[in-house]
Amino acid sequence: RAAQDGDAATIHRLAAAGADMNALDGRAYDVVTIAAVANDPALLSLAIELGNRSDLVTSPYRGTALIAAAHLGHADVVRRLIAAGAPLDHVNNLGWTALIEAVILGDGGPAHVATVRALVEASADRAIADRNGVTPLAHAEARGYAEMARIIAR
């Protein structure tokens, strides 16, 4: 609950008391994933500082905080997660990576374009296709997301 409320003081107290900082809530979210979904860079930084892992597999979709942030177009959080060592190419139970989610669940607007750029610049594997063999580039082209397609095609 403290993570959902962005309650840094309580999070600090829990960490000092020895709480498992990588524990999952009822939705299978950890503090890092909660921060990613909330687009809360301060909470994310605090979580990483307190020892939360950026590479946990979380959520009912067996994804990662990076996938969650990417699909929502939270580019700053995506960059922070990459810097913290989040796995770029994890494939969730839908068969999607962070790059695929940024394209197919994105709107092609500036936030998702910046997210795609961050992932590509970090060397996300652009060749990983979804379960149907469709690559992120093909998804971007099919949706008319020209800027995303240009970034992915580099």
C-alpha atoms as a PDB file:
ATOM      1  CA  ARG A   1       0.000   0.000   0.000  1.00  0.00           C
ATOM      2  CA  ALA A   2       2.836   2.410   0.787  1.00  0.00           C
ATOM      3  CA  ALA A   3       4.156   2.038  -2.772  1.00  0.00           C
ATOM      4  CA  GLN A   4       0.742   2.666  -4.309  1.00  0.00           C
ATOM      5  CA  ASP A   5       0.436   5.809  -2.206  1.00  0.00           C
ATOM      6  CA  GLY A   6       3.987   6.934  -3.018  1.00  0.00           C
ATOM      7  CA  ASP A   7       4.633   7.055   0.733  1.00  0.00           C
ATOM      8  CA  ALA A   8       8.431   7.317   0.828  1.00  0.00           C
ATOM      9  CA  ALA A   9       8.617   7.623   4.626  1.00  0.00           C
ATOM     10  CA  THR A  10       6.727   4.369   5.160  1.00  0.00           C
ATOM     11  CA  ILE A  11       8.772   2.630   2.480  1.00  0.00           C
ATOM     12  CA  HIS A  12      11.972   3.743   4.242  1.00  0.00           C
ATOM     13  CA  ARG A  13      10.607   2.460   7.585  1.00  0.00           C
ATOM     14  CA  LEU A  14       9.652  -0.882   6.076  1.00  0.00           C
ATOM     15  CA  ALA A  15      13.085  -1.284   4.486  1.00  0.00           C
ATOM     16  CA  ALA A  16      14.815  -0.378   7.760  1.00  0.00           C
ATOM     17  CA  ALA A  17      12.667  -2.950   9.568  1.00  0.00           C
ATOM     18  CA  GLY A  18      13.821  -5.657   7.155  1.00  0.00           C
ATOM     19  CA  ALA A  19      10.728  -5.946   4.962  1.00  0.00           C
ATOM     20  CA  ASP A  20      11.135  -7.905   1.744  1.00  0.00           C
ATOM     21  CA  MET A  21      11.507  -5.031  -0.693  1.00  0.00           C
ATOM     22  CA  ASN A  22      10.820  -7.349  -3.631  1.00  0.00           C
ATOM     23  CA  ALA A  23       7.538  -8.711  -2.257  1.00  0.00           C
ATOM     24  CA  LEU A  24       4.590  -8.826  -4.644  1.00  0.00           C
ATOM     25  CA  ASP A  25       1.148  -7.414  -3.916  1.00  0.00           C
ATOM     26  CA  GLY A  26      -2.155  -9.125  -4.737  1.00  0.00           C
ATOM     27  CA  ARG A  27      -1.809  -8.194  -8.413  1.00  0.00           C
ATOM     28  CA  ALA A  28       1.714  -9.660  -8.488  1.00  0.00           C
ATOM     29  CA  TYR A  29       3.276  -6.178  -8.656  1.00  0.00           C
ATOM     30  CA  ASP A  30       6.406  -5.189  -6.762  1.00  0.00           C
ATOM     31  CA  VAL A  31       7.384  -1.635  -5.798  1.00  0.00           C
ATOM     32  CA  VAL A  32       9.378  -1.177  -9.019  1.00  0.00           C
ATOM     33  CA  THR A  33       6.417  -2.217 -11.180  1.00  0.00           C
ATOM     34  CA  ILE A  34       4.057  -0.004  -9.184  1.00  0.00           C
ATOM     35  CA  ALA A  35       6.421   2.937  -9.760  1.00  0.00           C
ATOM     36  CA  ALA A  36       6.674   2.073 -13.469  1.00  0.00           C
ATOM     37  CA  VAL A  37       2.911   1.939 -13.953  1.00  0.00           C
ATOM     38  CA  ALA A  38       2.416   5.141 -11.943  1.00  0.00           C
ATOM     39  CA  ASN A  39       5.134   6.921 -13.977  1.00  0.00           C
ATOM     40  CA  ASP A  40       6.770   7.872 -10.689  1.00  0.00           C
ATOM     41  CA  PRO A  41      10.529   8.352 -11.205  1.00  0.00           C
ATOM     42  CA  ALA A  42      11.053   9.398  -7.569  1.00  0.00           C
ATOM     43  CA  LEU A  43       9.442   6.204  -6.240  1.00  0.00           C
ATOM     44  CA  LEU A  44      11.390   4.156  -8.775  1.00  0.00           C
ATOM     45  CA  SER A  45      14.684   5.744  -7.701  1.00  0.00           C
ATOM     46  CA  LEU A  46      13.843   5.137  -4.042  1.00  0.00           C
ATOM     47  CA  ALA A  47      12.947   1.506  -4.724  1.00  0.00           C
ATOM     48  CA  ILE A  48      16.202   0.861  -6.587  1.00  0.00           C
ATOM     49  CA  GLU A  49      18.182   2.669  -3.872  1.00  0.00           C
ATOM     50  CA  LEU A  50      16.579   0.425  -1.236  1.00  0.00           C
ATOM     51  CA  GLY A  51      17.504  -2.746  -3.085  1.00  0.00           C
ATOM     52  CA  ASN A  52      14.463  -3.512  -5.183  1.00  0.00           C
ATOM     53  CA  ARG A  53      15.368  -5.496  -8.274  1.00  0.00           C
ATOM     54  CA  SER A  54      14.565  -4.137 -11.715  1.00  0.00           C
ATOM     55  CA  ASP A  55      14.562  -7.591 -13.303  1.00  0.00           C
ATOM     56  CA  LEU A  56      11.713  -9.311 -11.461  1.00  0.00           C
ATOM     57  CA  VAL A  57       9.018 -11.080 -13.453  1.00  0.00           C
ATOM     58  CA  THR A  58       5.763  -9.632 -12.180  1.00  0.00           C
ATOM     59  CA  SER A  59       2.088  -9.183 -13.042  1.00  0.00           C
ATOM     60  CA  PRO A  60      -0.454 -11.714 -14.245  1.00  0.00           C
ATOM     61  CA  TYR A  61       1.173 -11.377 -17.678  1.00  0.00           C
ATOM     62  CA  ARG A  62       4.557 -12.577 -16.369  1.00  0.00           C
ATOM     63  CA  GLY A  63       6.098  -9.352 -17.598  1.00  0.00           C
ATOM     64  CA  THR A  64       8.534  -6.894 -16.089  1.00  0.00           C
ATOM     65  CA  ALA A  65       8.384  -3.314 -14.880  1.00  0.00           C
ATOM     66  CA  LEU A  66      10.092  -2.347 -18.141  1.00  0.00           C
ATOM     67  CA  ILE A  67       7.311  -3.909 -20.208  1.00  0.00           C
ATOM     68  CA  ALA A  68       4.681  -2.151 -18.076  1.00  0.00           C
ATOM     69  CA  ALA A  69       6.385   1.235 -18.437  1.00  0.00           C
ATOM     70  CA  ALA A  70       6.935   0.745 -22.174  1.00  0.00           C
ATOM     71  CA  HIS A  71       3.342  -0.086 -22.959  1.00  0.00           C
ATOM     72  CA  LEU A  72       2.229   3.056 -21.122  1.00  0.00           C
ATOM     73  CA  GLY A  73       4.800   5.262 -22.874  1.00  0.00           C
ATOM     74  CA  HIS A  74       6.664   6.230 -19.706  1.00  0.00           C
ATOM     75  CA  ALA A  75       9.957   6.977 -21.466  1.00  0.00           C
ATOM     76  CA  ASP A  76      11.797   8.463 -18.473  1.00  0.00           C
ATOM     77  CA  VAL A  77      10.927   5.454 -16.328  1.00  0.00           C
ATOM     78  CA  VAL A  78      11.953   3.156 -19.191  1.00  0.00           C
ATOM     79  CA  ARG A  79      15.374   4.837 -19.362  1.00  0.00           C
ATOM     80  CA  ARG A  80      15.792   4.563 -15.580  1.00  0.00           C
ATOM     81  CA  LEU A  81      14.851   0.883 -15.599  1.00  0.00           C
ATOM     82  CA  ILE A  82      17.300   0.183 -18.413  1.00  0.00           C
ATOM     83  CA  ALA A  83      20.040   1.959 -16.448  1.00  0.00           C
ATOM     84  CA  ALA A  84      19.139  -0.176 -13.414  1.00  0.00           C
ATOM     85  CA  GLY A  85      19.608  -3.381 -15.417  1.00  0.00           C
ATOM     86  CA  ALA A  86      16.063  -4.311 -16.394  1.00  0.00           C
ATOM     87  CA  PRO A  87      16.034  -7.070 -19.027  1.00  0.00           C
ATOM     88  CA  LEU A  88      15.450  -5.465 -22.425  1.00  0.00           C
ATOM     89  CA  ASP A  89      14.198  -8.537 -24.231  1.00  0.00           C
ATOM     90  CA  HIS A  90      12.067 -10.416 -21.699  1.00  0.00           C
ATOM     91  CA  VAL A  91       9.066 -12.011 -23.419  1.00  0.00           C
ATOM     92  CA  ASN A  92       5.860 -12.070 -21.364  1.00  0.00           C
ATOM     93  CA  ASN A  93       3.128 -14.705 -21.507  1.00  0.00           C
ATOM     94  CA  LEU A  94       1.455 -12.827 -24.370  1.00  0.00           C
ATOM     95  CA  GLY A  95       4.625 -13.290 -26.411  1.00  0.00           C
ATOM     96  CA  TRP A  96       5.528  -9.587 -26.275  1.00  0.00           C
ATOM     97  CA  THR A  97       8.674  -7.680 -25.337  1.00  0.00           C
ATOM     98  CA  ALA A  98       8.817  -4.094 -24.082  1.00  0.00           C
ATOM     99  CA  LEU A  99       9.482  -2.922 -27.646  1.00  0.00           C
ATOM    100  CA  ILE A 100       6.503  -4.808 -29.046  1.00  0.00           C
ATOM    101  CA  GLU A 101       4.231  -3.455 -26.291  1.00  0.00           C
ATOM    102  CA  ALA A 102       5.381   0.130 -26.864  1.00  0.00           C
ATOM    103  CA  VAL A 103       4.292  -0.235 -30.484  1.00  0.00           C
ATOM    104  CA  ILE A 104       1.106  -2.290 -30.332  1.00  0.00           C
ATOM    105  CA  LEU A 105      -0.303  -0.828 -27.114  1.00  0.00           C
ATOM    106  CA  GLY A 106       1.008   2.660 -27.836  1.00  0.00           C
ATOM    107  CA  ASP A 107      -0.718   5.403 -29.759  1.00  0.00           C
ATOM    108  CA  GLY A 108       2.184   6.391 -32.001  1.00  0.00           C
ATOM    109  CA  GLY A 109       2.451   9.727 -30.192  1.00  0.00           C
ATOM    110  CA  PRO A 110       5.490  11.468 -28.709  1.00  0.00           C
ATOM    111  CA  ALA A 111       5.564   9.507 -25.435  1.00  0.00           C
ATOM    112  CA  HIS A 112       5.557   6.124 -27.146  1.00  0.00           C
ATOM    113  CA  VAL A 113       8.003   7.314 -29.817  1.00  0.00           C
ATOM    114  CA  ALA A 114      10.395   8.396 -27.041  1.00  0.00           C
ATOM    115  CA  THR A 115       9.906   5.015 -25.387  1.00  0.00           C
ATOM    116  CA  VAL A 116      10.692   3.138 -28.599  1.00  0.00           C
ATOM    117  CA  ARG A 117      13.751   5.353 -29.087  1.00  0.00           C
ATOM    118  CA  ALA A 118      14.985   4.599 -25.549  1.00  0.00           C
ATOM    119  CA  LEU A 119      14.578   0.855 -26.070  1.00  0.00           C
ATOM    120  CA  VAL A 120      16.268   0.836 -29.480  1.00  0.00           C
ATOM    121  CA  GLU A 121      19.133   3.047 -28.277  1.00  0.00           C
ATOM    122  CA  ALA A 122      19.659   0.586 -25.413  1.00  0.00           C
ATOM    123  CA  SER A 123      19.947  -2.226 -27.996  1.00  0.00           C
ATOM    124  CA  ALA A 124      16.601  -3.943 -27.500  1.00  0.00           C
ATOM    125  CA  ASP A 125      16.401  -6.812 -29.983  1.00  0.00           C
ATOM    126  CA  ARG A 126      14.286  -5.476 -32.851  1.00  0.00           C
ATOM    127  CA  ALA A 127      14.113  -8.924 -34.477  1.00  0.00           C
ATOM    128  CA  ILE A 128      12.098 -10.600 -31.704  1.00  0.00           C
ATOM    129  CA  ALA A 129       8.663 -11.199 -33.176  1.00  0.00           C
ATOM    130  CA  ASP A 130       5.374 -11.885 -31.438  1.00  0.00           C
ATOM    131  CA  ARG A 131       3.712 -15.322 -31.421  1.00  0.00           C
ATOM    132  CA  ASN A 132       2.449 -14.711 -34.944  1.00  0.00           C
ATOM    133  CA  GLY A 133       5.898 -13.898 -36.279  1.00  0.00           C
ATOM    134  CA  VAL A 134       5.193 -10.162 -36.543  1.00  0.00           C
ATOM    135  CA  THR A 135       8.163  -7.942 -35.684  1.00  0.00           C
ATOM    136  CA  PRO A 136       7.984  -4.561 -33.939  1.00  0.00           C
ATOM    137  CA  LEU A 137       8.823  -2.899 -37.269  1.00  0.00           C
ATOM    138  CA  ALA A 138       5.969  -4.669 -39.057  1.00  0.00           C
ATOM    139  CA  HIS A 139       3.566  -3.691 -36.256  1.00  0.00           C
ATOM    140  CA  ALA A 140       4.673  -0.042 -36.473  1.00  0.00           C
ATOM    141  CA  GLU A 141       4.295   0.012 -40.248  1.00  0.00           C
ATOM    142  CA  ALA A 142       0.869  -1.667 -40.104  1.00  0.00           C
ATOM    143  CA  ARG A 143      -0.350   0.971 -37.649  1.00  0.00           C
ATOM    144  CA  GLY A 144       1.019   3.855 -39.680  1.00  0.00           C
ATOM    145  CA  TYR A 145       3.502   4.829 -36.953  1.00  0.00           C
ATOM    146  CA  ALA A 146       6.098   6.218 -39.363  1.00  0.00           C
ATOM    147  CA  GLU A 147       8.412   7.730 -36.731  1.00  0.00           C
ATOM    148  CA  MET A 148       8.453   4.506 -34.707  1.00  0.00           C
ATOM    149  CA  ALA A 149       9.104   2.498 -37.858  1.00  0.00           C
ATOM    150  CA  ARG A 150      11.999   4.801 -38.793  1.00  0.00           C
ATOM    151  CA  ILE A 151      13.577   4.377 -35.340  1.00  0.00           C
ATOM    152  CA  ILE A 152      13.159   0.600 -35.337  1.00  0.00           C
ATOM    153  CA  ALA A 153      14.492   0.253 -38.895  1.00  0.00           C
ATOM    154  CA  ARG A 154      17.783   2.037 -38.118  1.00  0.00           C
END
